C-alpha atoms as a PDB file:
ATOM      1  CA  MET A   1      17.394 164.462 133.216  1.00  0.00           C
ATOM      2  CA  THR A   2      20.510 165.007 131.507  1.00  0.00           C
ATOM      3  CA  THR A   3      22.310 167.875 129.495  1.00  0.00           C
ATOM      4  CA  ARG A   4      20.330 168.719 126.017  1.00  0.00           C
ATOM      5  CA  ALA A   5      22.264 171.253 124.728  1.00  0.00           C
ATOM      6  CA  THR A   6      25.221 169.928 122.361  1.00  0.00           C
ATOM      7  CA  PRO A   7      28.944 171.113 122.771  1.00  0.00           C
ATOM      8  CA  ALA A   8      28.528 173.131 120.092  1.00  0.00           C
ATOM      9  CA  GLN A   9      25.322 174.928 121.355  1.00  0.00           C
ATOM     10  CA  LYS A  10      27.070 175.537 124.413  1.00  0.00           C
ATOM     11  CA  ARG A  11      30.151 177.165 122.490  1.00  0.00           C
ATOM     12  CA  ARG A  12      27.953 179.686 120.392  1.00  0.00           C
ATOM     13  CA  ARG A  13      26.334 180.457 123.671  1.00  0.00           C
ATOM     14  CA  LEU A  14      29.584 181.336 125.305  1.00  0.00           C
ATOM     15  CA  ARG A  15      30.714 183.241 122.176  1.00  0.00           C
ATOM     16  CA  GLU A  16      27.327 184.904 121.958  1.00  0.00           C
ATOM     17  CA  GLY A  17      27.888 186.002 125.767  1.00  0.00           C
ATOM     18  CA  LEU A  18      31.239 187.571 125.469  1.00  0.00           C
ATOM     19  CA  ALA A  19      30.116 189.775 122.824  1.00  0.00           C
ATOM     20  CA  SER A  20      26.949 190.764 124.626  1.00  0.00           C
ATOM     21  CA  GLY A  21      28.184 193.773 126.464  1.00  0.00           C
ATOM     22  CA  THR A  22      27.181 191.901 129.617  1.00  0.00           C
ATOM     23  CA  LEU A  23      29.424 190.251 132.544  1.00  0.00           C
ATOM     24  CA  GLN A  24      29.359 186.723 131.992  1.00  0.00           C
ATOM     25  CA  ARG A  25      29.390 185.056 135.534  1.00  0.00           C
ATOM     26  CA  LEU A  26      31.029 181.835 135.878  1.00  0.00           C
ATOM     27  CA  PRO A  27      31.732 180.401 139.460  1.00  0.00           C
ATOM     28  CA  GLY A  28      34.273 177.536 139.880  1.00  0.00           C
ATOM     29  CA  ALA A  29      32.731 174.178 139.879  1.00  0.00           C
ATOM     30  CA  PHE A  30      34.736 171.402 141.606  1.00  0.00           C
ATOM     31  CA  SER A  31      32.306 168.612 140.647  1.00  0.00           C
ATOM     32  CA  PRO A  32      29.242 167.973 138.633  1.00  0.00           C
ATOM     33  CA  LEU A  33      26.944 168.205 141.413  1.00  0.00           C
ATOM     34  CA  ALA A  34      28.316 171.683 142.279  1.00  0.00           C
ATOM     35  CA  ALA A  35      28.033 172.459 138.222  1.00  0.00           C
ATOM     36  CA  ARG A  36      24.357 171.758 139.054  1.00  0.00           C
ATOM     37  CA  ALA A  37      24.269 174.253 141.627  1.00  0.00           C
ATOM     38  CA  VAL A  38      25.856 176.956 139.311  1.00  0.00           C
ATOM     39  CA  ALA A  39      23.294 176.246 136.677  1.00  0.00           C
ATOM     40  CA  ASP A  40      20.223 176.536 139.225  1.00  0.00           C
ATOM     41  CA  HIS A  41      21.225 179.814 140.680  1.00  0.00           C
ATOM     42  CA  GLY A  42      20.724 180.934 136.997  1.00  0.00           C
ATOM     43  CA  PHE A  43      24.661 182.159 136.424  1.00  0.00           C
ATOM     44  CA  ASP A  44      26.000 182.532 132.747  1.00  0.00           C
ATOM     45  CA  GLY A  45      28.466 179.409 132.671  1.00  0.00           C
ATOM     46  CA  VAL A  46      30.675 176.995 134.685  1.00  0.00           C
ATOM     47  CA  TYR A  47      34.650 177.685 135.619  1.00  0.00           C
ATOM     48  CA  VAL A  48      36.842 174.577 136.309  1.00  0.00           C
ATOM     49  CA  SER A  49      39.765 175.794 137.885  1.00  0.00           C
ATOM     50  CA  GLY A  50      43.190 173.788 137.977  1.00  0.00           C
ATOM     51  CA  ALA A  51      43.675 174.807 141.580  1.00  0.00           C
ATOM     52  CA  ALA A  52      40.355 173.335 142.770  1.00  0.00           C
ATOM     53  CA  LEU A  53      40.886 170.093 140.568  1.00  0.00           C
ATOM     54  CA  ALA A  54      44.431 169.584 141.878  1.00  0.00           C
ATOM     55  CA  ALA A  55      43.089 170.254 145.628  1.00  0.00           C
ATOM     56  CA  ASP A  56      40.423 167.810 145.007  1.00  0.00           C
ATOM     57  CA  LEU A  57      42.989 164.915 144.118  1.00  0.00           C
ATOM     58  CA  GLY A  58      44.936 166.146 147.229  1.00  0.00           C
ATOM     59  CA  LEU A  59      47.738 167.705 145.152  1.00  0.00           C
ATOM     60  CA  PRO A  60      48.841 171.303 145.217  1.00  0.00           C
ATOM     61  CA  ASP A  61      48.481 173.520 141.980  1.00  0.00           C
ATOM     62  CA  ILE A  62      52.209 173.048 140.815  1.00  0.00           C
ATOM     63  CA  GLY A  63      51.474 171.318 137.302  1.00  0.00           C
ATOM     64  CA  LEU A  64      51.220 167.517 138.847  1.00  0.00           C
ATOM     65  CA  THR A  65      47.952 166.823 136.952  1.00  0.00           C
ATOM     66  CA  THR A  66      47.561 165.442 133.594  1.00  0.00           C
ATOM     67  CA  LEU A  67      45.954 166.160 130.694  1.00  0.00           C
ATOM     68  CA  THR A  68      44.034 163.127 130.763  1.00  0.00           C
ATOM     69  CA  GLU A  69      42.873 163.916 134.429  1.00  0.00           C
ATOM     70  CA  VAL A  70      41.910 167.466 133.762  1.00  0.00           C
ATOM     71  CA  ALA A  71      39.966 166.460 130.252  1.00  0.00           C
ATOM     72  CA  GLY A  72      38.117 163.476 132.098  1.00  0.00           C
ATOM     73  CA  ARG A  73      37.064 165.753 135.342  1.00  0.00           C
ATOM     74  CA  GLY A  74      36.207 168.806 132.940  1.00  0.00           C
ATOM     75  CA  GLY A  75      33.980 166.474 130.683  1.00  0.00           C
ATOM     76  CA  GLN A  76      31.917 165.211 133.638  1.00  0.00           C
ATOM     77  CA  ILE A  77      31.662 168.625 134.736  1.00  0.00           C
ATOM     78  CA  ALA A  78      30.448 170.047 131.413  1.00  0.00           C
ATOM     79  CA  ARG A  79      28.129 167.203 130.596  1.00  0.00           C
ATOM     80  CA  ALA A  80      26.376 168.021 134.143  1.00  0.00           C
ATOM     81  CA  THR A  81      24.461 171.421 132.757  1.00  0.00           C
ATOM     82  CA  ASP A  82      23.480 173.248 129.559  1.00  0.00           C
ATOM     83  CA  LEU A  83      25.681 176.189 130.541  1.00  0.00           C
ATOM     84  CA  PRO A  84      28.994 176.452 128.739  1.00  0.00           C
ATOM     85  CA  THR A  85      32.120 175.402 130.528  1.00  0.00           C
ATOM     86  CA  LEU A  86      35.692 177.138 130.625  1.00  0.00           C
ATOM     87  CA  ILE A  87      38.555 175.131 131.898  1.00  0.00           C
ATOM     88  CA  ASP A  88      41.791 175.747 132.933  1.00  0.00           C
ATOM     89  CA  ALA A  89      44.550 173.909 130.751  1.00  0.00           C
ATOM     90  CA  ASP A  90      47.597 175.387 132.787  1.00  0.00           C
ATOM     91  CA  THR A  91      50.441 175.952 130.130  1.00  0.00           C
ATOM     92  CA  GLY A  92      48.883 173.132 127.625  1.00  0.00           C
ATOM     93  CA  PHE A  93      50.859 170.254 129.352  1.00  0.00           C
ATOM     94  CA  GLY A  94      53.965 170.802 127.644  1.00  0.00           C
ATOM     95  CA  GLU A  95      55.342 172.028 124.305  1.00  0.00           C
ATOM     96  CA  VAL A  96      53.374 173.398 121.334  1.00  0.00           C
ATOM     97  CA  ALA A  97      52.173 170.054 119.991  1.00  0.00           C
ATOM     98  CA  ASN A  98      51.140 169.288 123.454  1.00  0.00           C
ATOM     99  CA  ALA A  99      49.211 172.410 123.372  1.00  0.00           C
ATOM    100  CA  ALA A 100      47.275 171.416 120.071  1.00  0.00           C
ATOM    101  CA  ARG A 101      46.637 167.612 121.356  1.00  0.00           C
ATOM    102  CA  THR A 102      45.104 169.489 124.679  1.00  0.00           C
ATOM    103  CA  ILE A 103      42.839 171.729 122.602  1.00  0.00           C
ATOM    104  CA  GLU A 104      41.679 168.464 120.504  1.00  0.00           C
ATOM    105  CA  ALA A 105      41.049 166.508 124.118  1.00  0.00           C
ATOM    106  CA  LEU A 106      38.986 169.331 125.613  1.00  0.00           C
ATOM    107  CA  GLU A 107      36.896 169.877 122.340  1.00  0.00           C
ATOM    108  CA  ASP A 108      36.304 165.928 122.555  1.00  0.00           C
ATOM    109  CA  ALA A 109      35.259 166.235 126.037  1.00  0.00           C
ATOM    110  CA  GLY A 110      32.616 168.730 125.651  1.00  0.00           C
ATOM    111  CA  LEU A 111      34.346 171.936 126.889  1.00  0.00           C
ATOM    112  CA  ALA A 112      33.115 175.508 125.496  1.00  0.00           C
ATOM    113  CA  GLY A 113      36.751 176.658 125.989  1.00  0.00           C
ATOM    114  CA  CYS A 114      39.877 177.118 127.813  1.00  0.00           C
ATOM    115  CA  HIS A 115      42.970 179.243 129.040  1.00  0.00           C
ATOM    116  CA  LEU A 116      46.519 178.856 128.686  1.00  0.00           C
ATOM    117  CA  GLU A 117      49.238 180.482 130.571  1.00  0.00           C
ATOM    118  CA  ASP A 118      52.661 181.828 129.798  1.00  0.00           C
ATOM    119  CA  GLN A 119      54.283 180.162 132.688  1.00  0.00           C
ATOM    120  CA  VAL A 120      57.153 177.322 132.088  1.00  0.00           C
ATOM    121  CA  ASN A 121      56.010 173.679 132.945  1.00  0.00           C
ATOM    122  CA  PRO A 122      55.344 172.984 135.742  1.00  0.00           C
ATOM    123  CA  LYS A 123      53.777 176.035 136.780  1.00  0.00           C
ATOM    124  CA  ARG A 124      52.723 177.837 140.045  1.00  0.00           C
ATOM    125  CA  CYS A 125      49.712 179.288 141.334  1.00  0.00           C
ATOM    126  CA  GLY A 126      49.086 182.845 139.799  1.00  0.00           C
ATOM    127  CA  HIS A 127      48.846 184.451 142.975  1.00  0.00           C
ATOM    128  CA  LEU A 128      51.739 183.187 144.607  1.00  0.00           C
ATOM    129  CA  ASP A 129      55.718 184.235 144.197  1.00  0.00           C
ATOM    130  CA  GLY A 130      58.265 182.071 142.405  1.00  0.00           C
ATOM    131  CA  LYS A 131      56.541 182.154 139.094  1.00  0.00           C
ATOM    132  CA  THR A 132      58.895 181.827 136.023  1.00  0.00           C
ATOM    133  CA  LEU A 133      57.585 182.780 132.403  1.00  0.00           C
ATOM    134  CA  VAL A 134      58.326 181.442 129.043  1.00  0.00           C
ATOM    135  CA  PRO A 135      59.712 183.992 126.414  1.00  0.00           C
ATOM    136  CA  ALA A 136      56.807 185.879 124.812  1.00  0.00           C
ATOM    137  CA  ALA A 137      57.462 184.205 121.327  1.00  0.00           C
ATOM    138  CA  ASP A 138      57.407 180.559 122.884  1.00  0.00           C
ATOM    139  CA  MET A 139      53.633 181.557 124.522  1.00  0.00           C
ATOM    140  CA  VAL A 140      52.963 182.874 120.816  1.00  0.00           C
ATOM    141  CA  ARG A 141      53.277 179.605 119.501  1.00  0.00           C
ATOM    142  CA  ARG A 142      51.431 178.419 121.973  1.00  0.00           C
ATOM    143  CA  VAL A 143      48.553 180.049 121.471  1.00  0.00           C
ATOM    144  CA  ALA A 144      48.734 179.696 117.691  1.00  0.00           C
ATOM    145  CA  ALA A 145      49.140 176.134 117.664  1.00  0.00           C
ATOM    146  CA  ALA A 146      46.071 176.073 120.204  1.00  0.00           C
ATOM    147  CA  VAL A 147      43.887 178.117 117.611  1.00  0.00           C
ATOM    148  CA  LYS A 148      45.220 175.856 114.768  1.00  0.00           C
ATOM    149  CA  ALA A 149      44.023 172.851 116.184  1.00  0.00           C
ATOM    150  CA  ARG A 150      40.647 173.252 117.026  1.00  0.00           C
ATOM    151  CA  THR A 151      38.009 171.738 114.835  1.00  0.00           C
ATOM    152  CA  ASP A 152      34.891 174.047 116.172  1.00  0.00           C
ATOM    153  CA  PRO A 153      35.834 177.743 115.179  1.00  0.00           C
ATOM    154  CA  ASP A 154      33.277 178.850 118.281  1.00  0.00           C
ATOM    155  CA  PHE A 155      36.054 176.906 121.121  1.00  0.00           C
ATOM    156  CA  VAL A 156      37.295 179.774 122.856  1.00  0.00           C
ATOM    157  CA  VAL A 157      41.094 179.878 123.319  1.00  0.00           C
ATOM    158  CA  CYS A 158      42.299 182.448 126.165  1.00  0.00           C
ATOM    159  CA  ALA A 159      45.355 183.429 126.738  1.00  0.00           C
ATOM    160  CA  ARG A 160      46.561 184.134 130.112  1.00  0.00           C
ATOM    161  CA  THR A 161      49.767 186.028 130.995  1.00  0.00           C
ATOM    162  CA  ASP A 162      51.463 185.730 134.555  1.00  0.00           C
ATOM    163  CA  ALA A 163      53.462 188.906 133.358  1.00  0.00           C
ATOM    164  CA  ARG A 164      52.313 191.242 136.042  1.00  0.00           C
ATOM    165  CA  SER A 165      53.986 189.914 138.873  1.00  0.00           C
ATOM    166  CA  VAL A 166      57.201 189.289 136.939  1.00  0.00           C
ATOM    167  CA  GLU A 167      58.048 191.523 134.452  1.00  0.00           C
ATOM    168  CA  GLY A 168      55.304 194.557 135.321  1.00  0.00           C
ATOM    169  CA  LEU A 169      52.120 196.142 133.765  1.00  0.00           C
ATOM    170  CA  ASP A 170      53.489 196.954 130.418  1.00  0.00           C
ATOM    171  CA  ALA A 171      55.203 194.140 129.788  1.00  0.00           C
ATOM    172  CA  ALA A 172      51.881 191.938 130.616  1.00  0.00           C
ATOM    173  CA  ILE A 173      50.059 194.419 127.922  1.00  0.00           C
ATOM    174  CA  ASP A 174      52.747 194.147 125.439  1.00  0.00           C
ATOM    175  CA  ARG A 175      52.645 190.182 125.990  1.00  0.00           C
ATOM    176  CA  ALA A 176      48.654 190.114 125.656  1.00  0.00           C
ATOM    177  CA  LYS A 177      48.743 191.903 122.633  1.00  0.00           C
ATOM    178  CA  ALA A 178      51.240 189.466 121.202  1.00  0.00           C
ATOM    179  CA  TYR A 179      48.928 186.788 122.111  1.00  0.00           C
ATOM    180  CA  VAL A 180      45.878 188.229 120.679  1.00  0.00           C
ATOM    181  CA  ASP A 181      48.068 188.837 117.075  1.00  0.00           C
ATOM    182  CA  ALA A 182      48.670 184.903 117.688  1.00  0.00           C
ATOM    183  CA  GLY A 183      44.858 184.373 117.578  1.00  0.00           C
ATOM    184  CA  ALA A 184      43.692 184.400 121.064  1.00  0.00           C
ATOM    185  CA  ASP A 185      40.235 184.999 121.328  1.00  0.00           C
ATOM    186  CA  MET A 186      40.170 186.125 124.926  1.00  0.00           C
ATOM    187  CA  VAL A 187      42.822 187.685 127.525  1.00  0.00           C
ATOM    188  CA  PHE A 188      43.201 186.639 131.237  1.00  0.00           C
ATOM    189  CA  PRO A 189      45.308 189.328 133.145  1.00  0.00           C
ATOM    190  CA  GLU A 190      46.455 187.353 136.190  1.00  0.00           C
ATOM    191  CA  ALA A 191      47.173 188.716 139.411  1.00  0.00           C
ATOM    192  CA  LEU A 192      46.656 192.725 138.770  1.00  0.00           C
ATOM    193  CA  LYS A 193      47.069 194.814 141.755  1.00  0.00           C
ATOM    194  CA  ASP A 194      44.113 197.436 141.759  1.00  0.00           C
ATOM    195  CA  GLU A 195      41.541 198.577 139.973  1.00  0.00           C
ATOM    196  CA  ALA A 196      43.408 201.070 138.019  1.00  0.00           C
ATOM    197  CA  GLU A 197      45.498 198.257 136.711  1.00  0.00           C
ATOM    198  CA  PHE A 198      42.417 196.477 135.401  1.00  0.00           C
ATOM    199  CA  ALA A 199      41.183 199.729 133.677  1.00  0.00           C
ATOM    200  CA  ALA A 200      44.563 199.792 131.956  1.00  0.00           C
ATOM    201  CA  PHE A 201      44.428 196.544 130.792  1.00  0.00           C
ATOM    202  CA  ARG A 202      40.938 196.823 129.315  1.00  0.00           C
ATOM    203  CA  ALA A 203      42.081 200.310 127.494  1.00  0.00           C
ATOM    204  CA  ALA A 204      45.165 198.475 126.124  1.00  0.00           C
ATOM    205  CA  VAL A 205      43.646 195.383 124.781  1.00  0.00           C
ATOM    206  CA  ASP A 206      40.825 195.236 122.421  1.00  0.00           C
ATOM    207  CA  VAL A 207      39.329 191.473 122.642  1.00  0.00           C
ATOM    208  CA  PRO A 208      37.331 189.981 125.687  1.00  0.00           C
ATOM    209  CA  LEU A 209      39.082 189.951 129.223  1.00  0.00           C
ATOM    210  CA  LEU A 210      38.658 187.613 132.072  1.00  0.00           C
ATOM    211  CA  ALA A 211      38.724 189.121 135.689  1.00  0.00           C
ATOM    212  CA  ASN A 212      39.865 186.240 138.268  1.00  0.00           C
ATOM    213  CA  MET A 213      38.231 187.121 141.557  1.00  0.00           C
ATOM    214  CA  THR A 214      39.924 184.761 143.983  1.00  0.00           C
ATOM    215  CA  GLU A 215      40.377 185.011 147.383  1.00  0.00           C
ATOM    216  CA  PHE A 216      43.379 185.665 149.301  1.00  0.00           C
ATOM    217  CA  GLY A 217      45.023 186.450 145.985  1.00  0.00           C
ATOM    218  CA  ALA A 218      46.993 189.743 144.833  1.00  0.00           C
ATOM    219  CA  SER A 219      43.887 191.351 142.983  1.00  0.00           C
ATOM    220  CA  PRO A 220      41.209 193.168 145.078  1.00  0.00           C
ATOM    221  CA  LEU A 221      37.797 191.815 145.185  1.00  0.00           C
ATOM    222  CA  LEU A 222      35.745 193.920 142.924  1.00  0.00           C
ATOM    223  CA  SER A 223      31.883 193.220 142.406  1.00  0.00           C
ATOM    224  CA  ALA A 224      30.479 191.510 139.030  1.00  0.00           C
ATOM    225  CA  ARG A 225      28.803 195.453 138.676  1.00  0.00           C
ATOM    226  CA  ARG A 226      32.193 196.938 139.017  1.00  0.00           C
ATOM    227  CA  LEU A 227      33.833 194.589 136.751  1.00  0.00           C
ATOM    228  CA  GLU A 228      30.940 195.285 134.025  1.00  0.00           C
ATOM    229  CA  ALA A 229      31.658 198.729 134.667  1.00  0.00           C
ATOM    230  CA  LEU A 230      35.329 198.497 133.767  1.00  0.00           C
ATOM    231  CA  GLY A 231      34.647 196.702 130.472  1.00  0.00           C
ATOM    232  CA  TYR A 232      35.175 193.335 131.387  1.00  0.00           C
ATOM    233  CA  ASN A 233      33.283 190.494 129.452  1.00  0.00           C
ATOM    234  CA  LEU A 234      33.888 187.228 132.157  1.00  0.00           C
ATOM    235  CA  VAL A 235      34.671 186.803 135.774  1.00  0.00           C
ATOM    236  CA  ILE A 236      35.518 183.690 137.337  1.00  0.00           C
ATOM    237  CA  TRP A 237      35.476 182.854 141.268  1.00  0.00           C
ATOM    238  CA  PRO A 238      37.768 179.655 140.656  1.00  0.00           C
ATOM    239  CA  VAL A 239      38.209 178.108 143.934  1.00  0.00           C
ATOM    240  CA  SER A 240      35.331 179.698 146.069  1.00  0.00           C
ATOM    241  CA  SER A 241      32.972 176.904 146.089  1.00  0.00           C
ATOM    242  CA  LEU A 242      35.807 174.325 147.150  1.00  0.00           C
ATOM    243  CA  ARG A 243      36.651 176.710 149.900  1.00  0.00           C
ATOM    244  CA  ALA A 244      33.062 177.033 150.975  1.00  0.00           C
ATOM    245  CA  ALA A 245      32.537 173.144 150.839  1.00  0.00           C
ATOM    246  CA  MET A 246      36.019 172.156 152.666  1.00  0.00           C
ATOM    247  CA  GLY A 247      35.312 174.901 155.365  1.00  0.00           C
ATOM    248  CA  ALA A 248      32.050 173.036 156.056  1.00  0.00           C
ATOM    249  CA  VAL A 249      33.583 169.689 156.153  1.00  0.00           C
ATOM    250  CA  ASP A 250      36.170 170.758 158.561  1.00  0.00           C
ATOM    251  CA  GLU A 251      33.543 171.955 160.734  1.00  0.00           C
ATOM    252  CA  LEU A 252      31.520 168.930 160.423  1.00  0.00           C
ATOM    253  CA  PHE A 253      34.536 166.694 161.188  1.00  0.00           C
ATOM    254  CA  ALA A 254      35.504 168.699 164.266  1.00  0.00           C
ATOM    255  CA  ALA A 255      32.195 168.172 165.574  1.00  0.00           C
ATOM    256  CA  LEU A 256      31.971 164.586 164.816  1.00  0.00           C
ATOM    257  CA  ARG A 257      35.165 164.531 166.513  1.00  0.00           C
ATOM    258  CA  THR A 258      34.456 166.512 169.816  1.00  0.00           C
ATOM    259  CA  GLU A 259      30.788 165.563 170.262  1.00  0.00           C
ATOM    260  CA  GLY A 260      30.151 162.264 168.622  1.00  0.00           C
ATOM    261  CA  THR A 261      27.262 163.382 166.573  1.00  0.00           C
ATOM    262  CA  GLN A 262      26.534 165.928 163.622  1.00  0.00           C
ATOM    263  CA  ALA A 263      22.941 167.092 165.091  1.00  0.00           C
ATOM    264  CA  SER A 264      24.453 170.681 165.545  1.00  0.00           C
ATOM    265  CA  LEU A 265      25.057 170.625 161.848  1.00  0.00           C
ATOM    266  CA  VAL A 266      22.345 169.047 160.446  1.00  0.00           C
ATOM    267  CA  ASP A 267      20.241 172.331 160.022  1.00  0.00           C
ATOM    268  CA  ARG A 268      22.980 173.986 158.086  1.00  0.00           C
ATOM    269  CA  MET A 269      23.575 171.050 155.603  1.00  0.00           C
ATOM    270  CA  GLN A 270      22.016 170.556 152.060  1.00  0.00           C
ATOM    271  CA  THR A 271      18.605 168.868 152.575  1.00  0.00           C
ATOM    272  CA  ARG A 272      17.380 165.578 151.149  1.00  0.00           C
ATOM    273  CA  ALA A 273      15.116 167.263 149.037  1.00  0.00           C
ATOM    274  CA  ARG A 274      17.437 169.683 147.680  1.00  0.00           C
ATOM    275  CA  LEU A 275      19.806 167.153 146.839  1.00  0.00           C
ATOM    276  CA  TYR A 276      17.360 165.389 144.898  1.00  0.00           C
ATOM    277  CA  ASP A 277      16.190 168.429 143.275  1.00  0.00           C
ATOM    278  CA  LEU A 278      19.909 169.253 141.927  1.00  0.00           C
ATOM    279  CA  VAL A 279      20.117 165.258 140.685  1.00  0.00           C
ATOM    280  CA  ASP A 280      16.856 165.548 139.211  1.00  0.00           C
ATOM    281  CA  TYR A 281      15.579 162.264 140.870  1.00  0.00           C
ATOM    282  CA  ALA A 282      11.969 162.981 139.606  1.00  0.00           C
ATOM    283  CA  SER A 283      12.703 162.825 136.111  1.00  0.00           C
ATOM    284  CA  TYR A 284      14.619 159.489 136.348  1.00  0.00           C
ATOM    285  CA  SER A 285      12.023 158.018 138.099  1.00  0.00           C
ATOM    286  CA  ALA A 286       9.501 159.559 135.603  1.00  0.00           C
ATOM    287  CA  PHE A 287      11.885 158.135 132.854  1.00  0.00           C
ATOM    288  CA  ASP A 288      11.698 154.645 134.433  1.00  0.00           C
ATOM    289  CA  ARG A 289       7.747 154.653 134.471  1.00  0.00           C
ATOM    290  CA  ASP A 290       7.696 155.806 130.735  1.00  0.00           C
ATOM    291  CA  LEU A 291       9.804 152.978 129.776  1.00  0.00           C
ATOM    292  CA  PHE A 292       8.398 150.219 131.781  1.00  0.00           C
ATOM    293  CA  ASN A 293       4.958 150.828 131.207  1.00  0.00           C
ATOM    294  CA  PHE A 294       3.888 147.767 129.419  1.00  0.00           C
ATOM    295  CA  GLU A 295       3.394 144.185 130.010  1.00  0.00           C
ATOM    296  CA  ILE A 296       5.001 141.281 128.422  1.00  0.00           C
ATOM    297  CA  PRO A 297       2.332 139.258 126.312  1.00  0.00           C
ATOM    298  CA  GLY A 298       1.074 135.934 128.118  1.00  0.00           C
ATOM    299  CA  SER A 299       2.773 137.194 131.435  1.00  0.00           C
ATOM    300  CA  ALA A 300      -0.745 137.435 133.286  1.00  0.00           C
ATOM    301  CA  THR A 301      -1.800 134.819 135.671  1.00  0.00           C
END
């Protein structure tokens, strides 16, 4: 009926997946219901994108969301399945002490891990121009604070570097190595330009690596099979489900506006049966029957 795995079990599952040699596949889920679909299709985990979360609030991805909003929504999504959930924590919502508090909040919310990035606050989407980075030493302190703040050693702290498009590939690799020395469990090299750059990062960095396969971005859309062959440990498709859903929403509203009915699109909608399956309607009904299967003494007439 609800998730049975504890946050600690989910974190251990993510750790084991990263060490398995098999690529961990984490589609982005913008809602708990979308997370249920991720689990139902047999993926390894759930990803919560900061860009998708902001967009769902009607905001651009420029650091406008708060820790409270991110931890709250992330917790709702994490509780929806037995899968581990990795969340985008942007820059940690402030300075070093804020990054530490961010880890505490995300642990309390049941997340399995997060990534922190080396942009200034407020940040920019990783595949857009105009990004500004903090000095590498500042990010090292950010990562070290995050690692020190966690109470569960299995909570994964991933360091994202946006340096490729600002300082170049070599600088991005140097930053990644410094972040690993500070305690990062995984590295997320953002906006790599081609397959050769993905391979170069793998050759240079010894910890697990995350590949971002977002649409309309700077990186080529490599398949999961190819990323696994390149030695990557985890792949995210961060905004794909939101884009697909909103594409369908736009199509629906256009039909309602022009045709005055949804009839032409009904056969492409999620069925009532499928929705009930995802929300596990049957188990709630069974729970009610099991709980209220008694009679109050003396109530019979």
